[in-house]
Amino acid sequence: MKRRRHAANGPRADASPPRYRLRLFVAGDEPNSARARNILTRVCEGRLSGRWELEVVDVFTDYQAAIKARVLMVPTLVVEAPPATRIIVGSFRDEEALLDTLALPADEKRS
């Protein structure tokens, strides 16, 4: 597994909410990496319907991407868009911290 892109495509109007571009650095299918990927996908599907793109980078097969992004630990999520760039490290068990990193209000968390 080198890099995989997942995109949720949907209609986008000029005045629509921002589109999210995310890069998740993982260590293969290790438990924390798999958990982070699952939680992130669930949150994005529930909260960012049609407005997110996720690139998963496996540092076992593409360690140069991790070096270039200055990623020292995995899993690490880099929120590239909307600006400003934000980073969270861990398996995202604390969903409130994940929502904060994505700049999503916690009150909409349960949809």
C-alpha atoms as a PDB file:
ATOM      1  CA  MET A   1       0.000   0.000   0.000  1.00  0.00           C
ATOM      2  CA  LYS A   2       1.713   3.157  -1.137  1.00  0.00           C
ATOM      3  CA  ARG A   3      -0.716   6.075  -1.303  1.00  0.00           C
ATOM      4  CA  ARG A   4      -4.439   5.903  -1.566  1.00  0.00           C
ATOM      5  CA  ARG A   5      -6.781   8.762  -2.251  1.00  0.00           C
ATOM      6  CA  HIS A   6     -10.375   8.699  -1.143  1.00  0.00           C
ATOM      7  CA  ALA A   7     -12.643  11.427  -2.343  1.00  0.00           C
ATOM      8  CA  ALA A   8     -16.208  12.120  -1.490  1.00  0.00           C
ATOM      9  CA  ASN A   9     -17.625  13.910  -4.488  1.00  0.00           C
ATOM     10  CA  GLY A  10     -20.796  15.878  -4.370  1.00  0.00           C
ATOM     11  CA  PRO A  11     -22.365  19.016  -5.753  1.00  0.00           C
ATOM     12  CA  ARG A  12     -20.554  22.206  -4.901  1.00  0.00           C
ATOM     13  CA  ALA A  13     -22.081  25.642  -5.224  1.00  0.00           C
ATOM     14  CA  ASP A  14     -20.011  28.821  -5.247  1.00  0.00           C
ATOM     15  CA  ALA A  15     -21.186  29.743  -1.737  1.00  0.00           C
ATOM     16  CA  SER A  16     -20.824  26.244  -0.295  1.00  0.00           C
ATOM     17  CA  PRO A  17     -18.888  25.436   2.888  1.00  0.00           C
ATOM     18  CA  PRO A  18     -15.148  24.822   2.543  1.00  0.00           C
ATOM     19  CA  ARG A  19     -13.738  21.637   1.058  1.00  0.00           C
ATOM     20  CA  TYR A  20     -11.318  19.681   3.256  1.00  0.00           C
ATOM     21  CA  ARG A  21      -8.041  18.231   1.988  1.00  0.00           C
ATOM     22  CA  LEU A  22      -6.555  15.792   4.499  1.00  0.00           C
ATOM     23  CA  ARG A  23      -3.369  13.702   4.614  1.00  0.00           C
ATOM     24  CA  LEU A  24      -3.253  10.836   7.081  1.00  0.00           C
ATOM     25  CA  PHE A  25       0.140   9.277   7.745  1.00  0.00           C
ATOM     26  CA  VAL A  26      -0.147   5.691   8.969  1.00  0.00           C
ATOM     27  CA  ALA A  27       2.067   2.700   9.706  1.00  0.00           C
ATOM     28  CA  GLY A  28       0.531   0.034   7.503  1.00  0.00           C
ATOM     29  CA  ASP A  29      -2.419  -1.708   9.127  1.00  0.00           C
ATOM     30  CA  GLU A  30      -1.133  -1.351  12.687  1.00  0.00           C
ATOM     31  CA  PRO A  31      -4.026  -1.095  15.194  1.00  0.00           C
ATOM     32  CA  ASN A  32      -3.638   2.628  15.986  1.00  0.00           C
ATOM     33  CA  SER A  33      -3.333   3.483  12.306  1.00  0.00           C
ATOM     34  CA  ALA A  34      -6.403   1.420  11.387  1.00  0.00           C
ATOM     35  CA  ARG A  35      -8.372   2.988  14.259  1.00  0.00           C
ATOM     36  CA  ALA A  36      -7.377   6.510  13.189  1.00  0.00           C
ATOM     37  CA  ARG A  37      -8.365   5.814   9.581  1.00  0.00           C
ATOM     38  CA  ASN A  38     -11.753   4.376  10.638  1.00  0.00           C
ATOM     39  CA  ILE A  39     -12.607   7.201  13.042  1.00  0.00           C
ATOM     40  CA  LEU A  40     -11.504   9.879  10.578  1.00  0.00           C
ATOM     41  CA  THR A  41     -13.524   8.330   7.753  1.00  0.00           C
ATOM     42  CA  ARG A  42     -16.619   8.043   9.969  1.00  0.00           C
ATOM     43  CA  VAL A  43     -16.349  11.672  11.117  1.00  0.00           C
ATOM     44  CA  CYS A  44     -15.767  12.961   7.583  1.00  0.00           C
ATOM     45  CA  GLU A  45     -18.641  10.953   6.110  1.00  0.00           C
ATOM     46  CA  GLY A  46     -20.950  12.164   8.881  1.00  0.00           C
ATOM     47  CA  ARG A  47     -19.872  15.794   9.078  1.00  0.00           C
ATOM     48  CA  LEU A  48     -18.298  16.721   5.737  1.00  0.00           C
ATOM     49  CA  SER A  49     -20.578  14.990   3.277  1.00  0.00           C
ATOM     50  CA  GLY A  50     -19.222  15.571  -0.224  1.00  0.00           C
ATOM     51  CA  ARG A  51     -16.615  18.079   0.967  1.00  0.00           C
ATOM     52  CA  TRP A  52     -13.550  16.042   1.821  1.00  0.00           C
ATOM     53  CA  GLU A  53     -10.593  14.339   0.202  1.00  0.00           C
ATOM     54  CA  LEU A  54      -8.327  12.006   2.147  1.00  0.00           C
ATOM     55  CA  GLU A  55      -4.868  10.902   1.106  1.00  0.00           C
ATOM     56  CA  VAL A  56      -3.528   8.013   3.179  1.00  0.00           C
ATOM     57  CA  VAL A  57       0.266   7.784   3.227  1.00  0.00           C
ATOM     58  CA  ASP A  58       1.792   4.554   4.542  1.00  0.00           C
ATOM     59  CA  VAL A  59       5.171   5.487   6.001  1.00  0.00           C
ATOM     60  CA  PHE A  60       6.370   1.893   5.601  1.00  0.00           C
ATOM     61  CA  THR A  61       6.260   2.287   1.825  1.00  0.00           C
ATOM     62  CA  ASP A  62       6.696   6.062   1.439  1.00  0.00           C
ATOM     63  CA  TYR A  63       8.848   7.287   4.314  1.00  0.00           C
ATOM     64  CA  GLN A  64      10.123  10.166   2.156  1.00  0.00           C
ATOM     65  CA  ALA A  65       6.654  11.763   2.236  1.00  0.00           C
ATOM     66  CA  ALA A  66       6.729  11.623   6.034  1.00  0.00           C
ATOM     67  CA  ILE A  67      10.196  13.182   6.125  1.00  0.00           C
ATOM     68  CA  LYS A  68       9.129  15.928   3.732  1.00  0.00           C
ATOM     69  CA  ALA A  69       6.025  16.658   5.848  1.00  0.00           C
ATOM     70  CA  ARG A  70       8.122  16.504   9.052  1.00  0.00           C
ATOM     71  CA  VAL A  71       5.964  13.737  10.466  1.00  0.00           C
ATOM     72  CA  LEU A  72       7.718  12.080  13.399  1.00  0.00           C
ATOM     73  CA  MET A  73       4.935   9.890  14.778  1.00  0.00           C
ATOM     74  CA  VAL A  74       2.017   8.002  13.284  1.00  0.00           C
ATOM     75  CA  PRO A  75      -0.854   8.190  12.943  1.00  0.00           C
ATOM     76  CA  THR A  76      -0.660  11.877  12.090  1.00  0.00           C
ATOM     77  CA  LEU A  77      -3.366  13.872  10.353  1.00  0.00           C
ATOM     78  CA  VAL A  78      -2.412  16.994   8.424  1.00  0.00           C
ATOM     79  CA  VAL A  79      -5.346  19.239   7.528  1.00  0.00           C
ATOM     80  CA  GLU A  80      -4.084  21.061   4.436  1.00  0.00           C
ATOM     81  CA  ALA A  81      -7.331  22.828   3.540  1.00  0.00           C
ATOM     82  CA  PRO A  82      -9.137  24.889   4.482  1.00  0.00           C
ATOM     83  CA  PRO A  83      -6.279  27.083   5.721  1.00  0.00           C
ATOM     84  CA  ALA A  84      -4.465  27.267   8.066  1.00  0.00           C
ATOM     85  CA  THR A  85      -2.649  23.936   8.170  1.00  0.00           C
ATOM     86  CA  ARG A  86      -3.442  21.975  11.323  1.00  0.00           C
ATOM     87  CA  ILE A  87      -1.977  18.732  12.679  1.00  0.00           C
ATOM     88  CA  ILE A  88      -3.188  16.087  15.112  1.00  0.00           C
ATOM     89  CA  VAL A  89      -1.253  13.022  16.251  1.00  0.00           C
ATOM     90  CA  GLY A  90      -2.811   9.842  17.611  1.00  0.00           C
ATOM     91  CA  SER A  91      -5.615   7.390  16.959  1.00  0.00           C
ATOM     92  CA  PHE A  92      -8.328  10.080  17.413  1.00  0.00           C
ATOM     93  CA  ARG A  93     -10.021   8.394  20.382  1.00  0.00           C
ATOM     94  CA  ASP A  94     -10.722  11.927  21.620  1.00  0.00           C
ATOM     95  CA  GLU A  95     -13.262  12.889  18.974  1.00  0.00           C
ATOM     96  CA  GLU A  96     -13.592  16.393  20.436  1.00  0.00           C
ATOM     97  CA  ALA A  97      -9.894  17.041  19.691  1.00  0.00           C
ATOM     98  CA  LEU A  98     -10.376  15.722  16.150  1.00  0.00           C
ATOM     99  CA  LEU A  99     -13.381  17.993  15.617  1.00  0.00           C
ATOM    100  CA  ASP A 100     -11.390  20.927  16.972  1.00  0.00           C
ATOM    101  CA  THR A 101      -8.503  20.166  14.592  1.00  0.00           C
ATOM    102  CA  LEU A 102     -10.966  20.033  11.690  1.00  0.00           C
ATOM    103  CA  ALA A 103     -12.463  23.321  12.958  1.00  0.00           C
ATOM    104  CA  LEU A 104     -15.901  21.705  13.239  1.00  0.00           C
ATOM    105  CA  PRO A 105     -18.268  22.695  16.035  1.00  0.00           C
ATOM    106  CA  ALA A 106     -18.717  19.954  18.652  1.00  0.00           C
ATOM    107  CA  ASP A 107     -22.478  20.597  18.917  1.00  0.00           C
ATOM    108  CA  GLU A 108     -22.983  19.130  15.414  1.00  0.00           C
ATOM    109  CA  LYS A 109     -20.952  16.057  16.276  1.00  0.00           C
ATOM    110  CA  ARG A 110     -23.899  13.651  16.334  1.00  0.00           C
ATOM    111  CA  SER A 111     -25.774  13.664  13.045  1.00  0.00           C
END
